[in-house]
Amino acid sequence: MRKRSSHWRGQGLNAFSLAQCVGFAAAPLLICFVFGFSLPANLLAQAGSAQEKADAAVRAQMHNVKYRFTDNIAVQIHWLTGALVPVGNNELPIFDDKNSFRLRIDSGEIAISPADLANLLNSYVFARPNSPLSGISVAVANGRLKLKGELHDKGDIPFESEGVLTPTPDGRLRLHSDKVKALHVPVKGLMDAFGIGVSDFIKSGKVPGVQSEKNDLILDLEQILPPPHIEGKVTTVRIEGNSILQIFGGAGTAPPKLQNASYMSYRGNRLRFGRLTMDDADMVLYDLDPADPLDFFLDHYKAQVAAGYSKITTNDQLRIYVKDFAKLKSQPKSSAKTKEN
């Protein structure tokens, strides 16, 4: 049996330019069409490029992770299996560039709180000046989702809606509202409150990743979440306590844990972080405090790594023990505002 080993290329592998490593990641949606005729050379080249990107994927496994997309948007990853797939002109995932890859979720359970969902809608999804909604708040009551906000393009008229979240057949999220009020007066549905037609809302292009259908809003997680973007099919949605739980890839069973710990694992192919490139990657980030979730913020991972320690095994495996972001003595602020998707 061949002895497995990881290989390093770069500068300064001392203890550590590893304060320039790791991250949560993400992967592109690859759709293949099979034709019964020959393809033009340029399409064949594109297909080959897509295959190369798939071949460059890095296997990912996560357990008990609080992942922060921005200063005020986070999700709770109970468990996840998938892969990091480079996108665009990138030949491998680059952790210092969260737009260089996507996270393909094959299966997993991810929860988001009402407060984080409201922050996502306000500061990212509907952050544009011409967005139809603003000032959104989200609450959970009796297994139902309650939204309040203002109809921005209708003179900031207050509205309320109450309904349930369900997955669509293609893996998006459908918010079905069976109770809607505008100016505190009941209306038939969201479209009556908005005062626009369904086709107008969809074709306007005002809000990428959001569509409307009768009284429903349909959310595409691949487009509405900030980078690093995800790819995955939501198959079940339910309310658990004060969280919205999304199950990807079927009911499934969580994979065997590496150990009773909170971690993110990346294996296979190449990864780049800081000035280092790891071939045949085998890297795991552990929480210094195994009693709670790994609180990870890609924008500031270097500070988290610097506050912990790292080990390299005799098989060139990299093990990094990071400090929770919330426990850093001095929490850095994001240098730039969240970019609109």
Protein backbone atom coordinates (compact mmCIF):
# COMPACT_ATOMS: atom_id res chain seq x y z
CA MET A 1 0.00 0.00 0.00
CA ARG A 2 1.34 3.40 -0.96
CA LYS A 3 2.07 5.66 1.94
CA ARG A 4 -0.14 8.71 1.75
CA SER A 5 1.53 12.09 2.01
CA SER A 6 0.78 15.71 1.45
CA HIS A 7 3.25 17.98 -0.28
CA TRP A 8 3.95 21.64 0.33
CA ARG A 9 5.06 24.35 -2.04
CA GLY A 10 5.62 27.96 -1.16
CA GLN A 11 7.55 30.14 1.21
CA GLY A 12 7.96 30.11 4.96
CA LEU A 13 6.43 26.92 6.40
CA ASN A 14 7.69 27.74 9.88
CA ALA A 15 5.34 27.98 12.81
CA PHE A 16 3.58 29.55 10.79
CA SER A 17 2.78 31.36 7.74
CA LEU A 18 -0.16 29.11 8.58
CA ALA A 19 -1.73 32.19 9.98
CA GLN A 20 -2.39 32.42 6.25
CA CYS A 21 -4.34 29.26 5.67
CA VAL A 22 -7.70 27.69 5.86
CA GLY A 23 -11.27 28.54 5.27
CA PHE A 24 -14.83 27.58 4.69
CA ALA A 25 -15.39 27.12 1.04
CA ALA A 26 -17.75 26.71 -1.79
CA ALA A 27 -18.37 25.16 -5.24
CA PRO A 28 -19.96 25.79 -8.69
CA LEU A 29 -23.10 24.37 -10.18
CA LEU A 30 -22.02 22.07 -13.02
CA ILE A 31 -24.85 21.10 -15.38
CA CYS A 32 -24.15 18.61 -18.15
CA PHE A 33 -26.20 18.21 -21.30
CA VAL A 34 -25.74 15.19 -23.57
CA PHE A 35 -26.42 15.75 -27.27
CA GLY A 36 -26.74 13.21 -30.03
CA PHE A 37 -24.47 15.20 -32.33
CA SER A 38 -20.98 16.66 -32.41
CA LEU A 39 -20.30 19.81 -30.39
CA PRO A 40 -18.41 22.84 -31.70
CA ALA A 41 -14.80 23.08 -30.61
CA ASN A 42 -15.44 25.99 -28.23
CA LEU A 43 -18.18 24.07 -26.42
CA LEU A 44 -15.95 21.03 -26.16
CA ALA A 45 -13.27 23.25 -24.63
CA GLN A 46 -15.80 24.59 -22.10
CA ALA A 47 -16.91 21.06 -21.23
CA GLY A 48 -13.28 20.05 -20.74
CA SER A 49 -12.73 23.05 -18.49
CA ALA A 50 -15.76 22.11 -16.38
CA GLN A 51 -14.44 18.56 -16.04
CA GLU A 52 -11.05 19.87 -14.99
CA LYS A 53 -12.71 22.00 -12.31
CA ALA A 54 -14.61 18.97 -11.02
CA ASP A 55 -11.37 16.99 -10.98
CA ALA A 56 -9.80 19.77 -8.89
CA ALA A 57 -12.46 19.51 -6.16
CA VAL A 58 -11.30 19.17 -2.57
CA ARG A 59 -13.40 16.94 -0.33
CA ALA A 60 -14.92 18.78 2.63
CA GLN A 61 -16.46 17.58 5.86
CA MET A 62 -17.67 19.79 8.72
CA HIS A 63 -19.15 19.21 12.15
CA ASN A 64 -20.59 21.64 14.71
CA VAL A 65 -19.43 24.87 13.06
CA LYS A 66 -20.76 28.41 13.40
CA TYR A 67 -19.78 29.89 10.07
CA ARG A 68 -19.85 33.68 9.72
CA PHE A 69 -20.41 35.06 6.23
CA THR A 70 -20.26 38.69 7.40
CA ASP A 71 -20.19 40.67 10.64
CA ASN A 72 -23.92 40.05 11.13
CA ILE A 73 -24.78 36.95 9.07
CA ALA A 74 -23.95 33.42 10.28
CA VAL A 75 -25.27 29.86 9.93
CA GLN A 76 -24.92 26.84 12.19
CA ILE A 77 -23.50 23.81 10.38
CA HIS A 78 -24.57 20.75 12.35
CA TRP A 79 -22.79 18.51 9.86
CA LEU A 80 -21.90 18.62 6.19
CA THR A 81 -20.21 16.58 3.48
CA GLY A 82 -19.33 18.00 0.10
CA ALA A 83 -16.49 19.49 -1.88
CA LEU A 84 -14.73 22.74 -2.65
CA VAL A 85 -14.71 23.35 -6.39
CA PRO A 86 -12.71 26.21 -7.95
CA VAL A 87 -14.63 28.64 -10.15
CA GLY A 88 -13.78 31.10 -12.90
CA ASN A 89 -10.14 31.05 -13.96
CA ASN A 90 -9.00 29.51 -10.68
CA GLU A 91 -7.36 26.09 -10.89
CA LEU A 92 -7.70 25.39 -7.16
CA PRO A 93 -9.51 26.81 -4.11
CA ILE A 94 -7.71 29.85 -2.69
CA PHE A 95 -8.76 30.52 0.88
CA ASP A 96 -7.64 34.15 0.74
CA ASP A 97 -10.11 34.75 -2.11
CA LYS A 98 -13.62 33.66 -1.12
CA ASN A 99 -14.81 34.24 -4.69
CA SER A 100 -12.37 31.64 -6.06
CA PHE A 101 -14.50 28.65 -5.05
CA ARG A 102 -17.92 27.42 -4.08
CA LEU A 103 -19.00 24.84 -1.53
CA ARG A 104 -20.94 21.97 -3.09
CA ILE A 105 -23.08 20.46 -0.36
CA ASP A 106 -23.81 16.79 -1.04
CA SER A 107 -25.59 16.26 2.28
CA GLY A 108 -25.87 18.08 5.56
CA GLU A 109 -27.90 19.97 8.13
CA ILE A 110 -27.58 23.76 8.36
CA ALA A 111 -29.62 26.05 10.61
CA ILE A 112 -30.12 29.81 10.55
CA SER A 113 -31.70 31.96 13.26
CA PRO A 114 -34.52 34.43 12.53
CA ALA A 115 -32.18 37.32 13.41
CA ASP A 116 -29.50 36.14 10.96
CA LEU A 117 -32.13 35.59 8.27
CA ALA A 118 -33.41 39.13 8.79
CA ASN A 119 -29.85 40.48 8.57
CA LEU A 120 -29.34 38.50 5.35
CA LEU A 121 -32.48 39.96 3.80
CA ASN A 122 -31.78 43.53 4.92
CA SER A 123 -28.01 43.83 4.40
CA TYR A 124 -27.56 41.61 1.36
CA VAL A 125 -30.65 40.38 -0.49
CA PHE A 126 -32.69 43.61 -0.36
CA ALA A 127 -29.78 46.00 0.20
CA ARG A 128 -30.07 47.80 -3.14
CA PRO A 129 -31.65 51.27 -3.23
CA ASN A 130 -34.35 50.10 -5.67
CA SER A 131 -35.29 46.92 -3.79
CA PRO A 132 -39.03 46.51 -3.15
CA LEU A 133 -38.68 45.64 0.57
CA SER A 134 -36.79 47.16 3.49
CA GLY A 135 -36.65 47.12 7.29
CA ILE A 136 -37.44 43.39 7.46
CA SER A 137 -37.73 41.53 10.77
CA VAL A 138 -38.23 37.76 11.12
CA ALA A 139 -39.72 35.78 14.00
CA VAL A 140 -40.72 32.16 14.62
CA ALA A 141 -43.97 31.29 16.39
CA ASN A 142 -45.78 27.94 16.57
CA GLY A 143 -43.71 26.49 13.76
CA ARG A 144 -44.50 29.37 11.43
CA LEU A 145 -42.42 32.20 10.03
CA LYS A 146 -43.53 35.80 10.57
CA LEU A 147 -42.09 38.64 8.48
CA LYS A 148 -42.56 42.35 8.98
CA GLY A 149 -41.15 45.17 6.90
CA GLU A 150 -41.90 48.05 4.60
CA LEU A 151 -42.87 48.19 0.93
CA HIS A 152 -40.02 50.47 -0.07
CA ASP A 153 -41.19 51.23 -3.59
CA LYS A 154 -44.73 51.97 -2.30
CA GLY A 155 -43.79 54.79 0.04
CA ASP A 156 -42.52 52.57 2.85
CA ILE A 157 -45.97 51.12 3.60
CA PRO A 158 -45.68 48.63 6.50
CA PHE A 159 -46.57 45.02 5.77
CA GLU A 160 -46.77 41.75 7.68
CA SER A 161 -46.87 38.18 6.43
CA GLU A 162 -47.14 34.80 8.11
CA GLY A 163 -46.55 31.40 6.55
CA VAL A 164 -44.38 28.33 6.20
CA LEU A 165 -41.12 27.41 4.49
CA THR A 166 -40.99 24.36 2.22
CA PRO A 167 -38.46 23.10 -0.33
CA THR A 168 -39.22 23.31 -4.04
CA PRO A 169 -38.62 20.25 -6.27
CA ASP A 170 -35.39 21.84 -7.56
CA GLY A 171 -34.03 22.46 -4.07
CA ARG A 172 -34.86 26.13 -3.45
CA LEU A 173 -36.88 27.54 -0.52
CA ARG A 174 -40.54 28.51 -0.87
CA LEU A 175 -42.04 30.95 1.63
CA HIS A 176 -45.79 30.46 1.37
CA SER A 177 -47.73 33.30 3.02
CA ASP A 178 -51.34 32.60 3.90
CA LYS A 179 -51.78 35.75 6.00
CA VAL A 180 -50.71 39.13 4.63
CA LYS A 181 -51.42 42.64 5.86
CA ALA A 182 -50.50 46.02 4.38
CA LEU A 183 -51.09 49.15 6.48
CA HIS A 184 -52.42 46.63 9.05
CA VAL A 185 -55.29 45.74 6.70
CA PRO A 186 -55.61 42.13 5.44
CA VAL A 187 -54.92 41.66 1.73
CA LYS A 188 -55.24 38.64 -0.50
CA GLY A 189 -51.54 38.02 -0.96
CA LEU A 190 -48.05 39.35 -1.39
CA MET A 191 -48.66 40.47 -4.94
CA ASP A 192 -51.66 42.56 -3.85
CA ALA A 193 -49.47 44.17 -1.20
CA PHE A 194 -46.62 44.77 -3.64
CA GLY A 195 -48.97 46.17 -6.25
CA ILE A 196 -47.03 44.52 -9.08
CA GLY A 197 -47.49 41.46 -11.23
CA VAL A 198 -45.60 38.24 -10.77
CA SER A 199 -43.90 38.53 -14.15
CA ASP A 200 -42.81 42.11 -13.38
CA PHE A 201 -41.20 41.02 -10.12
CA ILE A 202 -39.33 38.15 -11.76
CA LYS A 203 -38.24 39.97 -14.93
CA SER A 204 -37.23 43.20 -13.24
CA GLY A 205 -33.94 41.69 -12.07
CA LYS A 206 -34.11 43.84 -8.96
CA VAL A 207 -33.38 40.99 -6.58
CA PRO A 208 -31.23 38.11 -7.92
CA GLY A 209 -32.11 34.80 -6.29
CA VAL A 210 -35.66 35.88 -5.38
CA GLN A 211 -38.77 35.08 -7.40
CA SER A 212 -42.47 35.33 -6.68
CA GLU A 213 -45.26 32.95 -7.50
CA LYS A 214 -48.82 33.88 -6.49
CA ASN A 215 -48.58 34.36 -2.72
CA ASP A 216 -45.13 32.80 -2.41
CA LEU A 217 -41.57 34.06 -2.42
CA ILE A 218 -38.98 31.58 -3.73
CA LEU A 219 -35.42 31.96 -2.45
CA ASP A 220 -32.35 30.48 -4.14
CA LEU A 221 -29.64 29.92 -1.49
CA GLU A 222 -26.99 29.68 -4.19
CA GLN A 223 -27.60 33.33 -5.05
CA ILE A 224 -28.83 35.02 -1.89
CA LEU A 225 -26.04 34.02 0.49
CA PRO A 226 -22.84 36.11 0.45
CA PRO A 227 -19.60 34.51 -0.79
CA PRO A 228 -18.21 31.98 -0.52
CA HIS A 229 -21.30 30.81 -2.40
CA ILE A 230 -22.85 27.41 -1.94
CA GLU A 231 -24.38 24.83 -4.26
CA GLY A 232 -26.79 22.26 -2.93
CA LYS A 233 -30.34 20.97 -3.00
CA VAL A 234 -32.53 21.62 0.03
CA THR A 235 -34.82 18.62 0.51
CA THR A 236 -36.40 19.35 3.89
CA VAL A 237 -37.07 22.50 5.92
CA ARG A 238 -38.43 22.60 9.44
CA ILE A 239 -38.55 24.85 12.48
CA GLU A 240 -36.60 23.58 15.48
CA GLY A 241 -36.86 25.81 18.52
CA ASN A 242 -35.93 29.27 17.34
CA SER A 243 -33.99 28.09 14.28
CA ILE A 244 -34.82 27.27 10.68
CA LEU A 245 -33.23 23.90 9.88
CA GLN A 246 -32.42 23.04 6.26
CA ILE A 247 -31.51 19.49 5.25
CA PHE A 248 -29.50 19.05 2.07
CA GLY A 249 -29.40 15.91 -0.04
CA GLY A 250 -32.08 13.88 1.69
CA ALA A 251 -32.62 12.74 5.24
CA GLY A 252 -29.29 10.93 5.27
CA THR A 253 -27.15 10.16 8.26
CA ALA A 254 -24.30 12.28 9.45
CA PRO A 255 -20.92 10.79 8.44
CA PRO A 256 -18.66 9.28 11.12
CA LYS A 257 -16.98 12.07 13.04
CA LEU A 258 -13.20 12.31 13.03
CA GLN A 259 -13.52 12.56 16.79
CA ASN A 260 -15.80 14.17 19.33
CA ALA A 261 -14.84 17.67 18.24
CA SER A 262 -15.90 20.71 16.25
CA TYR A 263 -13.94 20.84 13.01
CA MET A 264 -13.64 21.51 9.29
CA SER A 265 -11.76 18.94 7.20
CA TYR A 266 -10.34 19.38 3.68
CA ARG A 267 -8.78 16.47 1.76
CA GLY A 268 -7.50 15.70 -1.72
CA ASN A 269 -6.12 17.73 -4.63
CA ARG A 270 -4.61 21.17 -4.08
CA LEU A 271 -5.34 24.04 -1.70
CA ARG A 272 -3.74 27.46 -1.49
CA PHE A 273 -3.63 29.64 1.61
CA GLY A 274 -1.41 32.61 2.10
CA ARG A 275 1.91 31.93 0.33
CA LEU A 276 1.55 28.15 0.64
CA THR A 277 0.09 25.51 -1.66
CA MET A 278 -0.71 22.05 -0.30
CA ASP A 279 -0.77 19.12 -2.74
CA ASP A 280 -2.69 15.94 -1.90
CA ALA A 281 -4.23 18.02 0.86
CA ASP A 282 -5.04 16.67 4.30
CA MET A 283 -5.92 19.57 6.55
CA VAL A 284 -8.25 19.76 9.55
CA LEU A 285 -9.19 22.82 11.58
CA TYR A 286 -10.19 22.04 15.16
CA ASP A 287 -11.75 24.25 17.81
CA LEU A 288 -9.39 24.98 20.71
CA ASP A 289 -12.45 24.62 22.95
CA PRO A 290 -14.19 21.34 22.01
CA ALA A 291 -17.08 22.10 24.37
CA ASP A 292 -18.72 24.51 21.93
CA PRO A 293 -19.14 25.02 18.15
CA LEU A 294 -16.17 26.15 16.09
CA ASP A 295 -16.86 29.87 15.59
CA PHE A 296 -15.19 30.61 12.25
CA PHE A 297 -14.98 33.82 10.21
CA LEU A 298 -13.13 33.44 6.91
CA ASP A 299 -12.51 37.18 6.64
CA HIS A 300 -10.42 37.02 9.83
CA TYR A 301 -9.16 33.44 9.89
CA LYS A 302 -5.51 34.55 10.19
CA ALA A 303 -6.23 36.12 13.58
CA GLN A 304 -7.96 32.91 14.69
CA VAL A 305 -5.05 30.75 13.50
CA ALA A 306 -2.48 33.05 15.10
CA ALA A 307 -4.30 32.75 18.44
CA GLY A 308 -4.01 28.95 18.32
CA TYR A 309 -1.37 26.46 17.23
CA SER A 310 -0.62 24.02 14.40
CA LYS A 311 0.90 20.57 13.96
CA ILE A 312 2.32 18.66 11.00
CA THR A 313 2.25 14.87 11.32
CA THR A 314 4.91 12.50 10.02
CA ASN A 315 2.61 11.93 7.01
CA ASP A 316 2.58 15.67 6.26
CA GLN A 317 -0.98 16.04 7.51
CA LEU A 318 -1.80 19.52 8.78
CA ARG A 319 -3.80 19.97 11.99
CA ILE A 320 -4.70 23.51 13.05
CA TYR A 321 -6.28 24.40 16.40
CA VAL A 322 -8.00 27.77 16.09
CA LYS A 323 -9.55 30.09 18.63
CA ASP A 324 -13.23 30.93 18.29
CA PHE A 325 -13.74 34.29 16.62
CA ALA A 326 -15.95 35.55 19.47
CA LYS A 327 -13.18 34.70 21.97
CA LEU A 328 -10.44 36.75 20.33
CA LYS A 329 -9.22 39.46 22.68
CA SER A 330 -9.56 42.04 19.94
CA GLN A 331 -12.14 41.20 17.29
CA PRO A 332 -11.21 42.80 13.96
CA LYS A 333 -13.91 44.43 11.92
CA SER A 334 -14.44 43.67 8.26
CA SER A 335 -12.41 46.09 6.16
CA ALA A 336 -15.16 46.50 3.58
CA LYS A 337 -18.92 46.45 3.54
CA THR A 338 -20.68 43.35 2.30
CA LYS A 339 -20.80 43.44 -1.49
CA GLU A 340 -24.14 43.07 -3.17
CA ASN A 341 -24.59 39.78 -4.98
